[in-house]
N, C-alpha and C. Protein backbone atom coordinates (compact mmCIF):
# COMPACT_ATOMS: atom_id res chain seq x y z
N MET A 1 0.85 -1.18 0.00
CA MET A 1 0.00 0.00 0.00
C MET A 1 0.90 1.24 0.00
N ASP A 2 0.59 2.19 -0.89
CA ASP A 2 1.42 3.39 -0.93
C ASP A 2 1.14 4.28 0.28
N LYS A 3 2.00 5.27 0.50
CA LYS A 3 1.89 6.12 1.69
C LYS A 3 0.57 6.88 1.73
N TYR A 4 0.08 7.34 0.60
CA TYR A 4 -1.19 8.08 0.55
C TYR A 4 -2.35 7.21 1.02
N LYS A 5 -2.43 6.00 0.47
CA LYS A 5 -3.53 5.10 0.85
C LYS A 5 -3.43 4.69 2.32
N GLN A 6 -2.21 4.50 2.80
CA GLN A 6 -2.02 4.15 4.20
C GLN A 6 -2.44 5.31 5.09
N TRP A 7 -2.09 6.54 4.71
CA TRP A 7 -2.48 7.71 5.49
C TRP A 7 -4.00 7.82 5.54
N LEU A 8 -4.67 7.61 4.39
CA LEU A 8 -6.13 7.65 4.37
C LEU A 8 -6.72 6.59 5.30
N ALA A 9 -6.19 5.40 5.25
CA ALA A 9 -6.71 4.31 6.09
C ALA A 9 -6.54 4.63 7.57
N ASP A 10 -5.44 5.29 7.93
CA ASP A 10 -5.16 5.60 9.33
C ASP A 10 -5.91 6.84 9.83
N ASN A 11 -6.24 7.78 8.95
CA ASN A 11 -6.76 9.08 9.39
C ASN A 11 -8.16 9.43 8.91
N CYS A 12 -8.76 8.60 8.10
CA CYS A 12 -9.98 9.01 7.44
C CYS A 12 -10.92 7.82 7.24
N ARG A 13 -12.21 8.12 7.27
CA ARG A 13 -13.22 7.12 6.91
C ARG A 13 -13.85 7.58 5.61
N GLN A 14 -13.78 6.77 4.56
CA GLN A 14 -14.34 7.09 3.26
C GLN A 14 -15.68 6.39 3.07
N THR A 15 -16.65 7.15 2.57
CA THR A 15 -17.96 6.59 2.28
C THR A 15 -18.40 7.08 0.91
N ASN A 16 -18.93 6.19 0.10
CA ASN A 16 -19.49 6.58 -1.19
C ASN A 16 -20.99 6.65 -1.05
N ILE A 17 -21.56 7.80 -1.42
CA ILE A 17 -22.99 8.03 -1.30
C ILE A 17 -23.58 8.19 -2.69
N ILE A 18 -24.61 7.44 -3.00
CA ILE A 18 -25.32 7.58 -4.26
C ILE A 18 -26.70 8.17 -3.92
N THR A 19 -27.00 9.34 -4.48
CA THR A 19 -28.28 9.99 -4.19
C THR A 19 -29.40 9.36 -5.01
N LYS A 20 -30.63 9.71 -4.70
CA LYS A 20 -31.79 9.19 -5.44
C LYS A 20 -31.72 9.56 -6.91
N GLY A 21 -31.13 10.72 -7.21
CA GLY A 21 -30.99 11.16 -8.59
C GLY A 21 -29.79 10.55 -9.31
N GLY A 22 -29.01 9.75 -8.61
CA GLY A 22 -27.87 9.07 -9.23
C GLY A 22 -26.55 9.78 -9.09
N SER A 23 -26.50 10.88 -8.33
CA SER A 23 -25.23 11.59 -8.12
C SER A 23 -24.31 10.74 -7.25
N ASP A 24 -23.03 10.82 -7.56
CA ASP A 24 -22.00 10.07 -6.85
C ASP A 24 -21.21 11.04 -5.98
N ILE A 25 -21.25 10.86 -4.67
CA ILE A 25 -20.56 11.74 -3.73
C ILE A 25 -19.62 10.91 -2.87
N TRP A 26 -18.38 11.39 -2.72
CA TRP A 26 -17.44 10.76 -1.79
C TRP A 26 -17.39 11.60 -0.54
N LYS A 27 -17.57 10.96 0.61
CA LYS A 27 -17.51 11.65 1.89
C LYS A 27 -16.27 11.15 2.63
N TYR A 28 -15.40 12.10 3.00
CA TYR A 28 -14.20 11.79 3.76
C TYR A 28 -14.38 12.37 5.16
N GLU A 29 -14.33 11.53 6.19
CA GLU A 29 -14.52 11.97 7.57
C GLU A 29 -13.22 11.84 8.35
N PHE A 30 -12.86 12.89 9.07
CA PHE A 30 -11.62 12.95 9.82
C PHE A 30 -11.89 13.17 11.30
N THR A 31 -10.89 12.95 12.13
CA THR A 31 -11.05 13.14 13.57
C THR A 31 -10.67 14.54 14.02
N SER A 32 -9.99 15.31 13.17
CA SER A 32 -9.60 16.66 13.56
C SER A 32 -9.70 17.61 12.36
N PHE A 33 -9.86 18.89 12.66
CA PHE A 33 -9.91 19.87 11.59
C PHE A 33 -8.57 19.99 10.89
N GLU A 34 -7.47 19.79 11.64
CA GLU A 34 -6.13 19.85 11.03
C GLU A 34 -5.99 18.78 9.94
N ALA A 35 -6.49 17.59 10.17
CA ALA A 35 -6.45 16.52 9.17
C ALA A 35 -7.30 16.88 7.96
N VAL A 36 -8.47 17.49 8.20
CA VAL A 36 -9.32 17.95 7.09
C VAL A 36 -8.56 18.96 6.24
N GLU A 37 -7.97 19.94 6.90
CA GLU A 37 -7.24 21.00 6.20
C GLU A 37 -6.08 20.44 5.39
N ASN A 38 -5.28 19.56 5.96
CA ASN A 38 -4.14 18.97 5.25
C ASN A 38 -4.60 18.18 4.03
N PHE A 39 -5.65 17.38 4.18
CA PHE A 39 -6.17 16.58 3.09
C PHE A 39 -6.73 17.47 1.98
N PHE A 40 -7.48 18.49 2.37
CA PHE A 40 -8.09 19.42 1.41
C PHE A 40 -7.02 20.14 0.60
N ILE A 41 -6.04 20.72 1.28
CA ILE A 41 -4.97 21.46 0.59
C ILE A 41 -4.17 20.53 -0.32
N GLY A 42 -3.94 19.30 0.12
CA GLY A 42 -3.16 18.35 -0.67
C GLY A 42 -3.88 17.83 -1.91
N ASN A 43 -5.21 17.97 -1.97
CA ASN A 43 -5.97 17.38 -3.07
C ASN A 43 -6.75 18.38 -3.92
N ILE A 44 -6.78 19.64 -3.56
CA ILE A 44 -7.62 20.61 -4.25
C ILE A 44 -7.27 20.73 -5.73
N ASP A 45 -5.99 20.70 -6.08
CA ASP A 45 -5.59 20.81 -7.49
C ASP A 45 -6.08 19.62 -8.31
N GLN A 46 -6.01 18.43 -7.74
CA GLN A 46 -6.48 17.23 -8.44
C GLN A 46 -7.98 17.31 -8.66
N TRP A 47 -8.72 17.69 -7.64
CA TRP A 47 -10.18 17.81 -7.78
C TRP A 47 -10.55 18.86 -8.81
N LYS A 48 -9.80 19.95 -8.86
CA LYS A 48 -10.07 21.00 -9.84
C LYS A 48 -9.86 20.47 -11.26
N ARG A 49 -8.76 19.73 -11.48
CA ARG A 49 -8.49 19.14 -12.80
C ARG A 49 -9.59 18.17 -13.22
N GLU A 50 -10.15 17.46 -12.25
CA GLU A 50 -11.19 16.46 -12.54
C GLU A 50 -12.58 17.08 -12.62
N GLY A 51 -12.70 18.40 -12.41
CA GLY A 51 -14.00 19.06 -12.47
C GLY A 51 -14.89 18.76 -11.29
N LYS A 52 -14.30 18.46 -10.15
CA LYS A 52 -15.05 18.12 -8.94
C LYS A 52 -15.31 19.38 -8.11
N ALA A 53 -16.39 19.37 -7.38
CA ALA A 53 -16.71 20.42 -6.42
C ALA A 53 -16.55 19.82 -5.03
N THR A 54 -16.30 20.67 -4.04
CA THR A 54 -16.12 20.20 -2.67
C THR A 54 -16.95 21.03 -1.71
N LYS A 55 -17.26 20.42 -0.60
CA LYS A 55 -17.96 21.11 0.49
C LYS A 55 -17.40 20.55 1.79
N VAL A 56 -16.90 21.46 2.64
CA VAL A 56 -16.38 21.05 3.93
C VAL A 56 -17.46 21.33 4.98
N ILE A 57 -17.81 20.31 5.74
CA ILE A 57 -18.79 20.43 6.81
C ILE A 57 -18.19 19.80 8.06
N GLY A 58 -17.83 20.64 9.03
CA GLY A 58 -17.23 20.13 10.26
C GLY A 58 -15.93 19.40 9.98
N HIS A 59 -15.87 18.14 10.34
CA HIS A 59 -14.68 17.31 10.12
C HIS A 59 -14.83 16.43 8.88
N SER A 60 -15.72 16.81 7.97
CA SER A 60 -15.96 16.01 6.76
C SER A 60 -15.77 16.86 5.50
N ILE A 61 -15.38 16.19 4.43
CA ILE A 61 -15.30 16.81 3.10
C ILE A 61 -16.18 15.98 2.16
N LEU A 62 -17.06 16.66 1.43
CA LEU A 62 -17.85 16.00 0.40
C LEU A 62 -17.26 16.39 -0.95
N VAL A 63 -17.03 15.41 -1.81
CA VAL A 63 -16.45 15.64 -3.14
C VAL A 63 -17.43 15.08 -4.16
N PHE A 64 -17.83 15.92 -5.13
CA PHE A 64 -18.82 15.49 -6.10
C PHE A 64 -18.58 16.20 -7.43
N THR A 65 -19.21 15.69 -8.49
CA THR A 65 -19.09 16.28 -9.82
C THR A 65 -20.03 17.48 -9.91
N LYS A 66 -19.52 18.54 -10.50
CA LYS A 66 -20.33 19.77 -10.65
C LYS A 66 -21.50 19.54 -11.54
């Protein structure tokens, strides 16, 4: 397992949510705001390239297609 995947496994709970309308949302849940911030800053460029939108709520980040 690469370092990124190991870090996710140790620091984050990932959930895939499919809405009634068929939208695909990834929810990343962390134990601290610092972990949320580090993950968000480290991935924002990739999400932008992929055309993804994000929403931070508390210790969670939702990532979905615009």
